[in-house]
N, C-alpha and C. Protein backbone atom coordinates (compact mmCIF):
# COMPACT_ATOMS: atom_id res chain seq x y z
N MET A 1 102.78 110.86 82.10
CA MET A 1 102.47 109.54 82.66
C MET A 1 103.70 109.05 83.43
N ASP A 2 103.46 108.39 84.52
CA ASP A 2 104.49 107.78 85.35
C ASP A 2 105.34 106.81 84.53
N LYS A 3 106.66 106.85 84.71
CA LYS A 3 107.57 106.00 83.94
C LYS A 3 107.28 104.51 84.14
N ILE A 4 106.98 104.11 85.35
CA ILE A 4 106.73 102.70 85.64
C ILE A 4 105.43 102.25 84.99
N LEU A 5 104.40 103.07 85.06
CA LEU A 5 103.14 102.74 84.39
C LEU A 5 103.36 102.63 82.89
N SER A 6 104.14 103.53 82.33
CA SER A 6 104.45 103.48 80.90
C SER A 6 105.14 102.16 80.54
N GLN A 7 106.07 101.72 81.38
CA GLN A 7 106.75 100.44 81.15
C GLN A 7 105.76 99.28 81.19
N LEU A 8 104.87 99.30 82.19
CA LEU A 8 103.88 98.23 82.32
C LEU A 8 102.99 98.16 81.09
N ILE A 9 102.53 99.30 80.62
CA ILE A 9 101.65 99.33 79.44
C ILE A 9 102.39 98.82 78.21
N ARG A 10 103.63 99.27 78.02
CA ARG A 10 104.41 98.84 76.86
C ARG A 10 104.64 97.33 76.87
N ILE A 11 105.06 96.79 78.01
CA ILE A 11 105.29 95.35 78.15
C ILE A 11 103.99 94.59 77.89
N SER A 12 102.91 95.07 78.50
CA SER A 12 101.61 94.39 78.38
C SER A 12 101.13 94.35 76.94
N HIS A 13 101.29 95.45 76.22
CA HIS A 13 100.88 95.49 74.81
C HIS A 13 101.72 94.55 73.97
N THR A 14 103.03 94.53 74.23
CA THR A 14 103.93 93.69 73.44
C THR A 14 103.56 92.22 73.54
N VAL A 15 103.39 91.72 74.76
CA VAL A 15 103.08 90.29 74.92
C VAL A 15 101.59 90.02 74.69
N GLY A 16 100.74 90.98 75.00
CA GLY A 16 99.30 90.77 74.92
C GLY A 16 98.75 90.62 73.52
N LYS A 17 99.46 91.12 72.54
CA LYS A 17 98.97 91.00 71.16
C LYS A 17 99.41 89.70 70.50
N ASP A 18 100.25 88.91 71.17
CA ASP A 18 100.75 87.65 70.62
C ASP A 18 99.91 86.49 71.14
N THR A 19 99.03 85.97 70.30
CA THR A 19 98.11 84.91 70.75
C THR A 19 98.80 83.58 71.01
N SER A 20 100.06 83.44 70.66
CA SER A 20 100.78 82.22 71.05
C SER A 20 101.25 82.31 72.50
N LEU A 21 101.23 83.51 73.07
CA LEU A 21 101.64 83.71 74.46
C LEU A 21 100.48 83.90 75.41
N ILE A 22 99.39 84.46 74.91
CA ILE A 22 98.25 84.84 75.75
C ILE A 22 96.96 84.34 75.09
N GLN A 23 96.12 83.71 75.88
CA GLN A 23 94.80 83.31 75.38
C GLN A 23 93.75 84.08 76.16
N GLY A 24 92.90 84.80 75.46
CA GLY A 24 91.83 85.56 76.11
C GLY A 24 92.40 86.58 77.08
N GLY A 25 91.82 86.63 78.27
CA GLY A 25 92.25 87.58 79.29
C GLY A 25 93.36 87.02 80.17
N GLY A 26 93.96 85.90 79.80
CA GLY A 26 94.98 85.25 80.62
C GLY A 26 96.29 86.01 80.64
N GLY A 27 97.08 85.71 81.65
CA GLY A 27 98.38 86.34 81.80
C GLY A 27 98.30 87.60 82.63
N ASN A 28 99.42 87.95 83.22
CA ASN A 28 99.51 89.15 84.06
C ASN A 28 100.89 89.77 83.89
N THR A 29 100.96 91.06 84.16
CA THR A 29 102.23 91.77 84.17
C THR A 29 102.26 92.66 85.40
N SER A 30 103.47 92.89 85.89
CA SER A 30 103.63 93.84 86.99
C SER A 30 105.02 94.45 86.93
N VAL A 31 105.13 95.67 87.44
CA VAL A 31 106.41 96.36 87.56
C VAL A 31 106.42 97.07 88.91
N LYS A 32 107.53 96.92 89.64
CA LYS A 32 107.68 97.57 90.94
C LYS A 32 108.50 98.85 90.79
N SER A 33 108.23 99.80 91.67
CA SER A 33 108.99 101.04 91.67
C SER A 33 110.43 100.77 92.11
N ASP A 34 111.34 101.65 91.71
CA ASP A 34 112.75 101.48 92.06
C ASP A 34 112.97 101.46 93.57
N ASP A 35 112.15 102.20 94.31
CA ASP A 35 112.31 102.24 95.77
C ASP A 35 111.61 101.08 96.48
N GLY A 36 110.90 100.24 95.72
CA GLY A 36 110.23 99.08 96.30
C GLY A 36 108.97 99.39 97.08
N LYS A 37 108.45 100.60 96.98
CA LYS A 37 107.25 100.97 97.73
C LYS A 37 105.96 100.60 97.00
N TYR A 38 106.00 100.60 95.68
CA TYR A 38 104.78 100.41 94.90
C TYR A 38 104.95 99.30 93.87
N MET A 39 103.82 98.74 93.49
CA MET A 39 103.78 97.77 92.41
C MET A 39 102.58 98.12 91.53
N TYR A 40 102.83 98.27 90.25
CA TYR A 40 101.76 98.41 89.26
C TYR A 40 101.49 97.01 88.73
N ILE A 41 100.22 96.64 88.64
CA ILE A 41 99.86 95.31 88.16
C ILE A 41 98.60 95.38 87.31
N LYS A 42 98.48 94.45 86.39
CA LYS A 42 97.30 94.38 85.54
C LYS A 42 96.05 94.20 86.40
N ALA A 43 94.99 94.85 86.03
CA ALA A 43 93.72 94.69 86.73
C ALA A 43 93.06 93.39 86.29
N SER A 44 92.36 92.77 87.20
CA SER A 44 91.65 91.52 86.93
C SER A 44 90.63 91.73 85.82
N GLY A 45 90.58 90.79 84.90
CA GLY A 45 89.59 90.85 83.82
C GLY A 45 89.98 91.69 82.63
N THR A 46 91.13 92.32 82.67
CA THR A 46 91.60 93.15 81.56
C THR A 46 92.52 92.34 80.66
N ALA A 47 92.33 92.42 79.37
CA ALA A 47 93.27 91.80 78.44
C ALA A 47 94.53 92.66 78.41
N LEU A 48 95.70 92.03 78.41
CA LEU A 48 96.96 92.77 78.41
C LEU A 48 97.03 93.78 77.28
N LYS A 49 96.56 93.41 76.11
CA LYS A 49 96.63 94.29 74.94
C LYS A 49 95.71 95.50 75.07
N ASP A 50 94.75 95.45 75.99
CA ASP A 50 93.79 96.54 76.15
C ASP A 50 94.15 97.54 77.25
N MET A 51 95.21 97.29 77.98
CA MET A 51 95.61 98.20 79.05
C MET A 51 95.98 99.56 78.45
N ASN A 52 95.60 100.64 79.14
CA ASN A 52 95.99 101.97 78.69
C ASN A 52 96.24 102.85 79.91
N GLU A 53 96.53 104.10 79.68
CA GLU A 53 96.90 105.02 80.76
C GLU A 53 95.79 105.16 81.81
N GLN A 54 94.53 105.04 81.41
CA GLN A 54 93.42 105.22 82.33
C GLN A 54 92.87 103.92 82.91
N ASN A 55 93.00 102.82 82.19
CA ASN A 55 92.31 101.58 82.58
C ASN A 55 93.21 100.35 82.46
N GLY A 56 92.83 99.34 83.25
CA GLY A 56 93.46 98.04 83.10
C GLY A 56 94.61 97.75 84.05
N TRP A 57 94.84 98.62 85.04
CA TRP A 57 95.94 98.44 85.97
C TRP A 57 95.57 99.01 87.33
N ARG A 58 96.34 98.65 88.33
CA ARG A 58 96.23 99.24 89.67
C ARG A 58 97.63 99.43 90.23
N ARG A 59 97.80 100.47 91.05
CA ARG A 59 99.05 100.68 91.77
C ARG A 59 98.78 100.38 93.24
N LEU A 60 99.62 99.53 93.82
CA LEU A 60 99.44 99.11 95.21
C LEU A 60 100.67 99.43 96.04
N GLN A 61 100.43 99.65 97.33
CA GLN A 61 101.53 99.78 98.28
C GLN A 61 102.03 98.37 98.56
N LEU A 62 103.28 98.10 98.20
CA LEU A 62 103.82 96.75 98.29
C LEU A 62 103.82 96.23 99.73
N ALA A 63 104.15 97.07 100.69
CA ALA A 63 104.16 96.63 102.10
C ALA A 63 102.77 96.17 102.53
N SER A 64 101.74 96.84 102.07
CA SER A 64 100.37 96.45 102.43
C SER A 64 100.01 95.11 101.82
N VAL A 65 100.44 94.86 100.59
CA VAL A 65 100.18 93.56 99.95
C VAL A 65 100.88 92.45 100.72
N LEU A 66 102.14 92.67 101.07
CA LEU A 66 102.90 91.65 101.79
C LEU A 66 102.33 91.40 103.18
N SER A 67 101.77 92.42 103.80
CA SER A 67 101.19 92.24 105.14
C SER A 67 99.96 91.33 105.10
N ILE A 68 99.26 91.30 103.99
CA ILE A 68 98.10 90.41 103.85
C ILE A 68 98.58 88.96 103.91
N ILE A 69 99.65 88.67 103.22
CA ILE A 69 100.19 87.31 103.20
C ILE A 69 100.66 86.89 104.59
N GLU A 70 101.22 87.82 105.33
CA GLU A 70 101.77 87.51 106.65
C GLU A 70 100.69 87.38 107.72
N ASP A 71 99.48 87.82 107.45
CA ASP A 71 98.40 87.79 108.43
C ASP A 71 97.84 86.37 108.56
N LYS A 72 98.23 85.69 109.63
CA LYS A 72 97.84 84.29 109.84
C LYS A 72 96.33 84.12 110.09
N SER A 73 95.66 85.17 110.52
CA SER A 73 94.22 85.05 110.79
C SER A 73 93.42 84.79 109.52
N ILE A 74 93.94 85.21 108.38
CA ILE A 74 93.24 84.98 107.11
C ILE A 74 93.14 83.49 106.81
N ASN A 75 94.16 82.73 107.20
CA ASN A 75 94.16 81.28 106.96
C ASN A 75 93.04 80.58 107.71
N GLN A 76 92.54 81.18 108.77
CA GLN A 76 91.50 80.56 109.59
C GLN A 76 90.11 80.71 108.98
N LEU A 77 89.98 81.59 108.00
CA LEU A 77 88.67 81.82 107.38
C LEU A 77 88.34 80.71 106.39
N ASP A 78 87.04 80.47 106.17
CA ASP A 78 86.66 79.52 105.13
C ASP A 78 86.99 80.14 103.77
N THR A 79 86.93 79.35 102.73
CA THR A 79 87.35 79.79 101.40
C THR A 79 86.64 81.07 100.98
N TYR A 80 85.33 81.12 101.14
CA TYR A 80 84.56 82.29 100.73
C TYR A 80 84.96 83.52 101.55
N GLY A 81 85.02 83.37 102.86
CA GLY A 81 85.40 84.49 103.73
C GLY A 81 86.81 84.98 103.45
N ARG A 82 87.72 84.04 103.19
CA ARG A 82 89.10 84.40 102.90
C ARG A 82 89.18 85.23 101.63
N GLU A 83 88.48 84.79 100.59
CA GLU A 83 88.55 85.51 99.32
C GLU A 83 87.99 86.93 99.45
N ILE A 84 86.89 87.08 100.17
CA ILE A 84 86.32 88.41 100.39
C ILE A 84 87.30 89.30 101.15
N GLU A 85 87.88 88.75 102.21
CA GLU A 85 88.85 89.51 103.01
C GLU A 85 90.06 89.92 102.18
N VAL A 86 90.59 89.00 101.41
CA VAL A 86 91.77 89.29 100.60
C VAL A 86 91.47 90.36 99.55
N VAL A 87 90.35 90.24 98.85
CA VAL A 87 89.99 91.23 97.84
C VAL A 87 89.81 92.60 98.49
N ASN A 88 89.11 92.67 99.61
CA ASN A 88 88.91 93.95 100.29
C ASN A 88 90.23 94.57 100.72
N ARG A 89 91.13 93.76 101.24
CA ARG A 89 92.42 94.29 101.68
C ARG A 89 93.30 94.70 100.51
N LEU A 90 93.20 93.98 99.40
CA LEU A 90 93.94 94.41 98.21
C LEU A 90 93.43 95.75 97.71
N LEU A 91 92.12 95.94 97.74
CA LEU A 91 91.56 97.23 97.32
C LEU A 91 92.03 98.35 98.25
N LEU A 92 92.14 98.06 99.54
CA LEU A 92 92.66 99.05 100.49
C LEU A 92 94.13 99.35 100.24
N ALA A 93 94.87 98.39 99.70
CA ALA A 93 96.29 98.58 99.41
C ALA A 93 96.51 99.41 98.14
N CYS A 94 95.45 99.61 97.35
CA CYS A 94 95.57 100.40 96.13
C CYS A 94 95.85 101.85 96.48
N ASP A 95 96.77 102.43 95.76
CA ASP A 95 97.20 103.81 95.98
C ASP A 95 97.28 104.49 94.62
N ASP A 96 96.13 104.73 94.04
CA ASP A 96 96.07 105.32 92.71
C ASP A 96 94.79 106.12 92.57
N GLU A 97 94.60 106.68 91.41
CA GLU A 97 93.42 107.50 91.13
C GLU A 97 92.41 106.76 90.25
N VAL A 98 92.56 105.45 90.12
CA VAL A 98 91.68 104.66 89.26
C VAL A 98 90.28 104.67 89.84
N THR A 99 89.31 104.95 88.99
CA THR A 99 87.91 104.94 89.42
C THR A 99 87.22 103.70 88.88
N GLY A 100 86.09 103.38 89.43
CA GLY A 100 85.34 102.22 88.97
C GLY A 100 85.66 101.00 89.82
N SER A 101 85.39 99.84 89.26
CA SER A 101 85.48 98.61 90.05
C SER A 101 86.70 97.76 89.72
N ALA A 102 87.71 98.33 89.08
CA ALA A 102 88.89 97.55 88.70
C ALA A 102 89.59 97.01 89.95
N ARG A 103 89.75 95.69 89.98
CA ARG A 103 90.45 95.04 91.09
C ARG A 103 91.85 94.63 90.63
N PRO A 104 92.81 94.64 91.55
CA PRO A 104 94.13 94.14 91.18
C PRO A 104 94.03 92.66 90.80
N SER A 105 94.94 92.20 89.99
CA SER A 105 94.97 90.80 89.58
C SER A 105 94.87 89.86 90.77
N VAL A 106 94.22 88.72 90.56
CA VAL A 106 94.13 87.69 91.59
C VAL A 106 95.53 87.17 91.94
N GLU A 107 96.50 87.37 91.06
CA GLU A 107 97.87 86.92 91.27
C GLU A 107 98.76 87.97 91.93
N THR A 108 98.18 89.04 92.45
CA THR A 108 98.95 90.13 93.04
C THR A 108 99.94 89.66 94.10
N HIS A 109 99.51 88.75 94.96
CA HIS A 109 100.40 88.30 96.04
C HIS A 109 101.62 87.57 95.49
N LEU A 110 101.43 86.75 94.49
CA LEU A 110 102.56 86.03 93.89
C LEU A 110 103.53 87.02 93.26
N HIS A 111 103.02 88.01 92.55
CA HIS A 111 103.87 89.03 91.93
C HIS A 111 104.65 89.81 92.98
N ALA A 112 104.07 90.00 94.15
CA ALA A 112 104.73 90.76 95.22
C ALA A 112 106.03 90.10 95.65
N PHE A 113 106.10 88.77 95.58
CA PHE A 113 107.30 88.03 95.98
C PHE A 113 108.38 88.01 94.91
N LEU A 114 108.00 88.22 93.67
CA LEU A 114 108.90 88.01 92.55
C LEU A 114 109.69 89.27 92.22
N ASP A 115 110.43 89.23 91.13
CA ASP A 115 111.34 90.32 90.75
C ASP A 115 110.61 91.62 90.42
N LYS A 116 111.42 92.63 90.10
CA LYS A 116 110.89 93.96 89.82
C LYS A 116 109.88 93.95 88.67
N CYS A 117 110.17 93.18 87.65
CA CYS A 117 109.29 93.09 86.49
C CYS A 117 108.87 91.63 86.32
N VAL A 118 107.57 91.38 86.27
CA VAL A 118 107.05 90.02 86.12
C VAL A 118 106.14 89.98 84.89
N ILE A 119 106.41 89.02 84.02
CA ILE A 119 105.58 88.79 82.85
C ILE A 119 105.10 87.35 82.95
N HIS A 120 103.85 87.18 83.34
CA HIS A 120 103.25 85.86 83.57
C HIS A 120 102.39 85.54 82.36
N LEU A 121 102.84 84.58 81.58
CA LEU A 121 102.17 84.24 80.32
C LEU A 121 101.58 82.84 80.38
N HIS A 122 100.80 82.51 79.39
CA HIS A 122 100.24 81.18 79.21
C HIS A 122 100.52 80.72 77.78
N PRO A 123 101.81 80.49 77.44
CA PRO A 123 102.15 80.12 76.07
C PRO A 123 101.55 78.78 75.66
N VAL A 124 101.02 78.74 74.47
CA VAL A 124 100.40 77.52 73.96
C VAL A 124 101.38 76.35 74.01
N ALA A 125 102.63 76.57 73.62
CA ALA A 125 103.62 75.49 73.60
C ALA A 125 103.86 74.92 74.99
N VAL A 126 103.92 75.77 76.00
CA VAL A 126 104.15 75.29 77.37
C VAL A 126 102.89 74.61 77.90
N LEU A 127 101.73 75.16 77.59
CA LEU A 127 100.48 74.53 78.05
C LEU A 127 100.31 73.13 77.47
N ALA A 128 100.81 72.92 76.26
CA ALA A 128 100.74 71.58 75.67
C ALA A 128 101.52 70.58 76.52
N TYR A 129 102.69 70.99 77.01
CA TYR A 129 103.47 70.13 77.91
C TYR A 129 102.76 69.96 79.24
N ALA A 130 102.20 71.04 79.76
CA ALA A 130 101.53 70.98 81.07
C ALA A 130 100.36 70.01 81.06
N CYS A 131 99.72 69.87 79.92
CA CYS A 131 98.55 68.99 79.81
C CYS A 131 98.89 67.57 79.35
N ALA A 132 100.12 67.34 78.95
CA ALA A 132 100.52 66.03 78.43
C ALA A 132 100.82 65.06 79.57
N LYS A 133 100.63 63.79 79.30
CA LYS A 133 100.83 62.74 80.30
C LYS A 133 102.24 62.79 80.91
N ASN A 134 103.27 62.88 80.09
CA ASN A 134 104.65 62.95 80.57
C ASN A 134 105.24 64.33 80.35
N GLY A 135 104.40 65.34 80.38
CA GLY A 135 104.81 66.69 80.04
C GLY A 135 105.93 67.25 80.90
N ARG A 136 105.85 67.03 82.19
CA ARG A 136 106.88 67.57 83.08
C ARG A 136 108.24 66.99 82.74
N ALA A 137 108.33 65.68 82.62
CA ALA A 137 109.61 65.03 82.31
C ALA A 137 110.14 65.49 80.95
N GLU A 138 109.26 65.60 79.97
CA GLU A 138 109.69 66.02 78.64
C GLU A 138 110.17 67.47 78.63
N LEU A 139 109.49 68.33 79.36
CA LEU A 139 109.89 69.73 79.42
C LEU A 139 111.23 69.87 80.14
N GLU A 140 111.42 69.13 81.23
CA GLU A 140 112.70 69.16 81.93
C GLU A 140 113.83 68.67 81.03
N LYS A 141 113.57 67.63 80.25
CA LYS A 141 114.56 67.10 79.31
C LYS A 141 114.90 68.16 78.26
N LEU A 142 113.88 68.80 77.72
CA LEU A 142 114.08 69.83 76.70
C LEU A 142 114.97 70.95 77.23
N PHE A 143 114.69 71.44 78.43
CA PHE A 143 115.48 72.53 79.00
C PHE A 143 116.88 72.08 79.38
N ARG A 144 117.04 70.84 79.77
CA ARG A 144 118.35 70.31 80.13
C ARG A 144 119.23 70.17 78.89
N GLU A 145 118.66 69.67 77.80
CA GLU A 145 119.43 69.41 76.58
C GLU A 145 119.63 70.65 75.72
N ASN A 146 118.73 71.60 75.78
CA ASN A 146 118.82 72.78 74.93
C ASN A 146 118.28 73.99 75.68
N PRO A 147 118.99 74.43 76.73
CA PRO A 147 118.46 75.53 77.53
C PRO A 147 118.45 76.85 76.76
N PRO A 148 117.40 77.64 76.94
CA PRO A 148 117.37 78.95 76.30
C PRO A 148 118.48 79.83 76.85
N ALA A 149 118.85 80.84 76.11
CA ALA A 149 119.98 81.71 76.48
C ALA A 149 119.84 82.29 77.88
N PHE A 150 118.64 82.71 78.26
CA PHE A 150 118.48 83.33 79.58
C PHE A 150 118.78 82.36 80.71
N LEU A 151 118.59 81.05 80.49
CA LEU A 151 118.90 80.06 81.53
C LEU A 151 120.38 79.70 81.55
N ARG A 152 121.06 79.84 80.43
CA ARG A 152 122.48 79.52 80.38
C ARG A 152 123.29 80.47 81.25
N LYS A 153 122.78 81.65 81.47
CA LYS A 153 123.49 82.66 82.25
C LYS A 153 123.25 82.50 83.75
N GLN A 154 122.34 81.64 84.13
CA GLN A 154 121.98 81.48 85.54
C GLN A 154 122.36 80.09 86.03
N GLU A 155 122.56 80.00 87.33
CA GLU A 155 122.76 78.70 87.93
C GLU A 155 121.40 78.05 88.15
N GLY A 156 121.42 76.75 88.29
CA GLY A 156 120.16 76.06 88.57
C GLY A 156 119.71 75.24 87.38
N GLY A 157 118.61 74.57 87.58
CA GLY A 157 118.10 73.66 86.58
C GLY A 157 116.99 74.25 85.76
N PRO A 158 116.10 73.38 85.33
CA PRO A 158 115.00 73.82 84.48
C PRO A 158 114.03 74.71 85.26
N PRO A 159 113.11 75.34 84.56
CA PRO A 159 112.12 76.18 85.25
C PRO A 159 111.38 75.38 86.33
N LEU A 160 110.95 76.08 87.33
CA LEU A 160 110.21 75.46 88.43
C LEU A 160 108.84 74.99 87.94
N TRP A 161 108.49 73.77 88.26
CA TRP A 161 107.19 73.20 87.91
C TRP A 161 106.33 73.26 89.16
N VAL A 162 105.25 73.99 89.10
CA VAL A 162 104.34 74.10 90.24
C VAL A 162 103.06 73.35 89.88
N SER A 163 102.70 72.38 90.71
CA SER A 163 101.47 71.64 90.46
C SER A 163 100.28 72.59 90.49
N TYR A 164 99.22 72.21 89.80
CA TYR A 164 98.06 73.09 89.69
C TYR A 164 97.52 73.48 91.06
N ALA A 165 97.19 74.72 91.18
CA ALA A 165 96.49 75.25 92.35
C ALA A 165 95.62 76.39 91.84
N ASP A 166 94.50 76.61 92.50
CA ASP A 166 93.69 77.76 92.14
C ASP A 166 94.55 79.01 92.28
N PRO A 167 94.41 79.96 91.37
CA PRO A 167 95.21 81.17 91.45
C PRO A 167 94.83 82.02 92.65
N GLY A 168 95.75 82.86 93.07
CA GLY A 168 95.45 83.81 94.12
C GLY A 168 96.23 83.61 95.39
N PHE A 169 95.60 84.01 96.47
CA PHE A 169 96.22 84.07 97.79
C PHE A 169 96.85 82.75 98.22
N MET A 170 96.13 81.65 98.12
CA MET A 170 96.64 80.37 98.61
C MET A 170 97.81 79.86 97.76
N LEU A 171 97.84 80.17 96.48
CA LEU A 171 98.98 79.81 95.66
C LEU A 171 100.22 80.57 96.12
N ALA A 172 100.07 81.84 96.42
CA ALA A 172 101.20 82.64 96.90
C ALA A 172 101.70 82.11 98.24
N LYS A 173 100.80 81.62 99.07
CA LYS A 173 101.18 81.06 100.38
C LYS A 173 102.03 79.80 100.23
N ARG A 174 101.81 79.05 99.13
CA ARG A 174 102.58 77.82 98.89
C ARG A 174 104.02 78.17 98.70
């Protein structure tokens, strides 16, 4: 098995079995190849804990994914037409032997912009803040007063707060 795929499966199983981090089929993982040509990402509709060597992932040509985002003509389509076009082009960007109807995650474009390894979770504790009336301010205060170790090593402030948007292509465009 490919080393990168093995990493993706291991990461996905580790976080996917923790129900405080993942609810249902939520969350996504991705790992990019060292040369930056490919990205392995969870397939849409697959639970992270259920990913295996044969199912639950797709490998995409990263340049092809990024070219979809750069194509300004897609913005001119209505919502329905845009989604069909984006899904079709993502399927064309797939470069693997996966059979069946597995589609790359709806968040593929966002993962394409981010680091080599992306673990996108929906932790219950964070969702409680996201849904609370003053959640953003309270979360920023929490991170300012008691930052986790990984933030102490980096410059900058609290985690980025992104207002709700439907997942997928248009969120990545933001």
